[in-house]
Every structure is written in C-alpha cells, then in structure tokens.
Amino acid sequence: MTGRDFIIVNGVSSHELGLYVDTPPMPVMSTPMFQTLNIPGRVDALTIKDRAREDIPVPISAYLFDDEAHDPNELYNYLSNAKTLITSKNANFYYKVRRLETLTPEYQGHGKQHLNIVFICEGLRYAVDNDTISSRSQEFTVLVNGTEFCQPVFKLFGNGTIQLTVNDDVENALTIYDVDGYVVADGEKIICHKDGQFVKSKGQIPFFAVGVNKVQTNASVIEITKNERWI
C-alpha cells in the first residue's frame, strides 16, 4: 500500500468506515457501441457507431486495519448500495454505478485485510460541479464542456403552452401543454412532468452538443442542469 487514498460513495468518504484505497486507477475508457447491418448485395457488413457507450468496470484495491475497521455489515451495505462513485485521484468527476460486481476480502496478517472491489459503472463520467444555471431571456447560449453530448434537465416557468428549441432544431422542437406555474423536461429520463405527474407534450426533449448551444423558449424563466459528461 503506497498511500491512504479514498473513494466517496453516495457522498460518504470511505475513510469514515476505516477503508483506505491504494492509488485509485486512472479513468477507464469506455468503447462506443456499434450495430452491424447485413445489406443484400453488399459484400461487407455495414458497421454503424452508436451514441451509447459500453458499461465499464472500475476496480478498487482497498485495505482495512483492525484498529480502525467498522462492522463488516456496515461496510458491505455502504459498498453494495452505491449509486455514485468518486475517487480521490479524480475528485472533479463521478461515476454512476450500475452495480457492485466483486467484493473479495483477503486477510494479510498484522491486522490488515485487503479488499478487491469492482464496480460496474456507466461508460461516461459526470462533472461533480453541476450547478443549475438560470435565465430570463427567451434566446441565449449555453456552453457545454466535456467530451460527449449531454442530457440536460430543464425547469421551465410559465403558464399555458411552453416551447423549447435548441440549436434551431425547429423540426424536433419541444412543446409542452397546459403548464401551470412550471414544468420539468428531463433529458435523462426523457419525460416531462410536474411533481412526478406526467405533462402532455410533443416533440423531443433536446440534448446539448459539446461547445456553444443556442436555446430559445417562451418560458418566463428557465433553469438548466447541464449534466456534462466525459469519456
């Protein structure tokens, strides 16, 4: 063990449970998904790159010391219920955890136990700094960092019919009907709702491209959580 690094699971540091990490790994690069199409008359199959990416394993080598370790059940519960994961070497980003795949303890003597931990995570990392931005303008721009398109969450304030267009994509503009005060257009869950109740809409909830994005809306106020992503 070369140092006492840590992970943060669901906002809680592993140090709080006496679990120390031996040099967290550099980010794992996820590969894009592909579709293979066999077209009659074509000698070779056609390969199409998908926008989605494969899930990735994030291995963690960690240690417990008898004089600091907590109840094993508390530790197992902490790891098995992981939804978000941050490592101390890349603390500006977090992974969305799909599941805990491996947790193998090994006693190494002298009051030290080694844990082999592998989380299966979504293929992209998310920015920890994900503060909501707000605008009262009906036309403005949003700068998106990262390496991949992102799926923002829009909170639109107003009444009646509210429209939202990004990057002049009028053909797929989002129209939301019968708005009473506000509505949320969630680009991750792909739903429009207010307080969990579905709201009638047509069109598509827009995504943001990396770089400058042009936003147009007739909402009186719009709040945007960008959800920037990195490979």
Protein backbone atom coordinates (compact mmCIF):
# COMPACT_ATOMS: atom_id res chain seq x y z
CA MET A 1 0.00 0.00 0.00
CA THR A 2 1.55 3.27 -1.17
CA GLY A 3 -0.89 5.75 0.39
CA ARG A 4 -4.21 6.22 2.11
CA ASP A 5 -6.40 7.45 -0.71
CA PHE A 6 -10.16 7.07 -0.59
CA ILE A 7 -13.38 6.72 -2.52
CA ILE A 8 -16.62 8.61 -1.98
CA VAL A 9 -19.78 6.53 -2.33
CA ASN A 10 -23.13 8.33 -2.31
CA GLY A 11 -21.37 11.36 -0.83
CA VAL A 12 -19.71 9.46 2.06
CA SER A 13 -15.91 9.02 2.21
CA SER A 14 -14.55 5.51 2.74
CA HIS A 15 -12.32 6.98 5.48
CA GLU A 16 -15.42 7.21 7.67
CA LEU A 17 -15.60 3.41 7.64
CA GLY A 18 -11.88 2.81 8.06
CA LEU A 19 -11.48 1.78 4.42
CA TYR A 20 -8.38 3.08 2.63
CA VAL A 21 -7.65 2.87 -1.08
CA ASP A 22 -4.27 2.05 -2.61
CA THR A 23 -3.82 4.51 -5.52
CA PRO A 24 -7.19 4.68 -7.31
CA PRO A 25 -6.97 3.78 -11.01
CA MET A 26 -6.99 6.37 -13.78
CA PRO A 27 -10.38 6.64 -15.52
CA VAL A 28 -11.33 3.61 -17.59
CA MET A 29 -12.14 4.48 -21.20
CA SER A 30 -15.44 3.12 -22.41
CA THR A 31 -15.77 1.96 -26.02
CA PRO A 32 -18.72 3.04 -28.18
CA MET A 33 -21.44 0.56 -29.03
CA PHE A 34 -21.78 -0.49 -32.67
CA GLN A 35 -24.51 -2.01 -34.81
CA THR A 36 -23.71 -4.40 -37.68
CA LEU A 37 -26.09 -4.45 -40.64
CA ASN A 38 -26.05 -7.05 -43.42
CA ILE A 39 -27.38 -5.45 -46.60
CA PRO A 40 -28.41 -7.66 -49.54
CA GLY A 41 -25.99 -7.22 -52.42
CA ARG A 42 -23.26 -5.69 -50.24
CA VAL A 43 -20.15 -7.85 -49.78
CA ASP A 44 -19.16 -6.45 -46.38
CA ALA A 45 -21.44 -5.77 -43.44
CA LEU A 46 -22.12 -2.13 -42.61
CA THR A 47 -20.91 -1.05 -39.17
CA ILE A 48 -22.69 1.91 -37.55
CA LYS A 49 -21.36 3.67 -34.47
CA ASP A 50 -24.00 4.19 -31.77
CA ARG A 51 -24.20 7.24 -29.49
CA ALA A 52 -24.30 4.98 -26.43
CA ARG A 53 -21.21 3.55 -24.73
CA GLU A 54 -20.47 0.26 -23.04
CA ASP A 55 -20.54 -0.01 -19.24
CA ILE A 56 -17.10 -0.11 -17.64
CA PRO A 57 -15.54 -1.92 -14.65
CA VAL A 58 -13.90 0.36 -12.07
CA PRO A 59 -11.54 -1.74 -9.91
CA ILE A 60 -10.61 -0.55 -6.42
CA SER A 61 -7.85 -2.05 -4.28
CA ALA A 62 -8.60 -1.19 -0.64
CA TYR A 63 -7.46 -2.03 2.90
CA LEU A 64 -8.94 -2.33 6.37
CA PHE A 65 -6.93 -2.11 9.58
CA ASP A 66 -8.19 -3.85 12.71
CA ASP A 67 -7.75 -0.79 14.88
CA GLU A 68 -9.97 1.36 12.61
CA ALA A 69 -12.34 -1.03 10.85
CA HIS A 70 -16.09 -0.79 11.42
CA ASP A 71 -18.74 -3.51 11.48
CA PRO A 72 -18.36 -5.53 8.23
CA ASN A 73 -22.12 -5.37 7.66
CA GLU A 74 -21.94 -1.58 7.65
CA LEU A 75 -19.10 -1.67 5.12
CA TYR A 76 -20.86 -4.18 2.85
CA ASN A 77 -24.04 -2.12 2.94
CA TYR A 78 -22.04 1.01 2.09
CA LEU A 79 -20.49 -0.60 -0.99
CA SER A 80 -23.43 -2.65 -2.25
CA ASN A 81 -25.82 0.34 -2.25
CA ALA A 82 -23.50 2.55 -4.29
CA LYS A 83 -25.22 4.87 -6.77
CA THR A 84 -22.39 7.37 -7.29
CA LEU A 85 -18.63 6.85 -7.04
CA ILE A 86 -15.80 9.38 -6.78
CA THR A 87 -12.10 8.53 -6.42
CA SER A 88 -9.65 10.81 -4.61
CA LYS A 89 -7.37 10.99 -7.66
CA ASN A 90 -10.17 12.32 -9.91
CA ALA A 91 -12.37 14.16 -7.45
CA ASN A 92 -13.91 16.53 -10.05
CA PHE A 93 -15.85 13.68 -11.64
CA TYR A 94 -18.19 10.94 -10.52
CA TYR A 95 -19.37 7.64 -11.96
CA LYS A 96 -22.96 6.47 -11.98
CA VAL A 97 -22.79 2.96 -10.51
CA ARG A 98 -24.84 0.18 -12.10
CA ARG A 99 -23.94 -2.44 -9.50
CA LEU A 100 -21.23 -3.82 -7.24
CA GLU A 101 -19.79 -6.79 -9.14
CA THR A 102 -16.97 -8.03 -6.88
CA LEU A 103 -16.11 -7.71 -3.20
CA THR A 104 -13.43 -10.18 -2.15
CA PRO A 105 -11.72 -9.83 1.26
CA GLU A 106 -8.28 -11.34 1.94
CA TYR A 107 -6.60 -11.42 5.35
CA GLN A 108 -2.95 -10.36 5.04
CA GLY A 109 -1.86 -10.61 8.66
CA HIS A 110 -0.68 -7.96 11.12
CA GLY A 111 -4.24 -6.66 11.48
CA LYS A 112 -4.64 -5.81 7.77
CA GLN A 113 -7.27 -7.01 5.32
CA HIS A 114 -7.23 -6.44 1.58
CA LEU A 115 -10.48 -5.94 -0.35
CA ASN A 116 -10.75 -6.46 -4.09
CA ILE A 117 -13.68 -4.26 -5.19
CA VAL A 118 -15.08 -3.89 -8.70
CA PHE A 119 -17.95 -1.55 -9.53
CA ILE A 120 -19.75 -1.71 -12.89
CA CYS A 121 -20.48 1.87 -13.93
CA GLU A 122 -21.99 3.79 -16.81
CA GLY A 123 -19.46 4.38 -19.55
CA LEU A 124 -19.12 8.14 -19.02
CA ARG A 125 -18.03 10.28 -16.08
CA TYR A 126 -20.08 13.25 -14.86
CA ALA A 127 -18.95 16.61 -13.52
CA VAL A 128 -19.29 16.95 -9.74
CA ASP A 129 -19.75 20.71 -10.27
CA ASN A 130 -23.23 20.56 -11.80
CA ASP A 131 -24.87 23.72 -10.53
CA THR A 132 -28.09 24.88 -12.17
CA ILE A 133 -27.88 27.88 -14.48
CA SER A 134 -30.82 30.27 -14.84
CA SER A 135 -32.00 32.73 -17.49
CA ARG A 136 -34.95 35.09 -18.03
CA SER A 137 -34.06 35.61 -21.70
CA GLN A 138 -36.03 34.00 -24.49
CA GLU A 139 -32.86 33.44 -26.50
CA PHE A 140 -29.41 32.75 -25.03
CA THR A 141 -26.43 30.40 -25.30
CA VAL A 142 -25.13 27.66 -23.03
CA LEU A 143 -21.51 26.49 -23.10
CA VAL A 144 -21.07 22.74 -22.59
CA ASN A 145 -17.70 21.32 -21.62
CA GLY A 146 -16.82 17.63 -21.64
CA THR A 147 -16.19 15.21 -24.46
CA GLU A 148 -19.71 13.91 -25.17
CA PHE A 149 -23.16 15.33 -25.75
CA CYS A 150 -25.16 15.72 -22.55
CA GLN A 151 -28.77 15.18 -21.48
CA PRO A 152 -29.83 18.28 -19.54
CA VAL A 153 -32.76 18.78 -17.21
CA PHE A 154 -34.83 21.89 -17.98
CA LYS A 155 -37.17 23.54 -15.49
CA LEU A 156 -39.44 25.94 -17.38
CA PHE A 157 -41.63 28.51 -15.64
CA GLY A 158 -44.82 29.90 -17.14
CA ASN A 159 -48.42 29.05 -17.95
CA GLY A 160 -50.25 27.57 -20.91
CA THR A 161 -48.16 26.28 -23.81
CA ILE A 162 -44.37 26.45 -23.45
CA GLN A 163 -41.94 25.82 -26.28
CA LEU A 164 -38.25 24.94 -26.18
CA THR A 165 -35.83 24.78 -29.12
CA VAL A 166 -32.08 24.08 -29.06
CA ASN A 167 -29.68 24.86 -31.91
CA ASP A 168 -32.51 25.88 -34.26
CA ASP A 169 -33.82 22.31 -34.47
CA VAL A 170 -37.35 23.52 -35.18
CA GLU A 171 -38.45 20.17 -36.60
CA ASN A 172 -37.94 18.49 -33.20
CA ALA A 173 -38.84 21.48 -31.00
CA LEU A 174 -40.43 20.58 -27.67
CA THR A 175 -43.93 21.86 -26.99
CA ILE A 176 -45.47 21.35 -23.54
CA TYR A 177 -49.18 21.95 -22.99
CA ASP A 178 -51.32 23.14 -20.04
CA VAL A 179 -48.38 24.28 -17.92
CA ASP A 180 -49.43 25.61 -14.53
CA GLY A 181 -46.58 27.52 -12.93
CA TYR A 182 -43.72 25.32 -14.10
CA VAL A 183 -42.79 22.04 -15.74
CA VAL A 184 -39.65 19.86 -15.81
CA ALA A 185 -38.34 18.45 -19.09
CA ASP A 186 -35.91 15.74 -18.00
CA GLY A 187 -33.43 14.83 -20.75
CA GLU A 188 -32.05 11.88 -18.78
CA LYS A 189 -35.38 10.20 -18.02
CA ILE A 190 -36.97 11.52 -21.24
CA ILE A 191 -40.15 12.70 -19.54
CA CYS A 192 -41.97 15.98 -18.97
CA HIS A 193 -43.54 16.20 -15.54
CA LYS A 194 -44.60 18.38 -12.64
CA ASP A 195 -44.15 16.93 -9.16
CA GLY A 196 -43.93 13.45 -10.66
CA GLN A 197 -47.12 13.78 -12.72
CA PHE A 198 -46.72 13.45 -16.48
CA VAL A 199 -47.47 16.56 -18.55
CA LYS A 200 -48.72 16.43 -22.14
CA SER A 201 -46.09 17.33 -24.72
CA LYS A 202 -44.92 16.75 -28.28
CA GLY A 203 -41.53 16.91 -29.96
CA GLN A 204 -38.25 15.89 -28.32
CA ILE A 205 -36.52 16.93 -25.12
CA PRO A 206 -33.32 18.42 -26.54
CA PHE A 207 -29.78 17.33 -25.79
CA PHE A 208 -26.74 19.64 -25.75
CA ALA A 209 -23.72 19.23 -28.00
CA VAL A 210 -20.21 19.92 -26.74
CA GLY A 211 -19.50 23.62 -27.24
CA VAL A 212 -21.94 26.53 -27.58
CA ASN A 213 -25.66 25.71 -27.72
CA LYS A 214 -28.38 28.16 -28.70
CA VAL A 215 -31.54 27.98 -26.55
CA GLN A 216 -34.89 29.53 -27.47
CA THR A 217 -38.02 29.43 -25.30
CA ASN A 218 -41.11 31.42 -24.41
CA ALA A 219 -40.81 30.43 -20.73
CA SER A 220 -40.61 33.37 -18.32
CA VAL A 221 -37.67 31.74 -16.54
CA ILE A 222 -35.65 28.65 -17.43
CA GLU A 223 -33.31 26.71 -15.13
CA ILE A 224 -30.91 24.20 -16.68
CA THR A 225 -28.85 21.43 -15.13
CA LYS A 226 -26.37 20.53 -17.88
CA ASN A 227 -25.10 17.10 -16.72
CA GLU A 228 -21.78 17.46 -18.58
CA ARG A 229 -20.03 14.16 -19.38
CA TRP A 230 -16.53 12.91 -20.11
CA ILE A 231 -15.07 9.70 -21.51
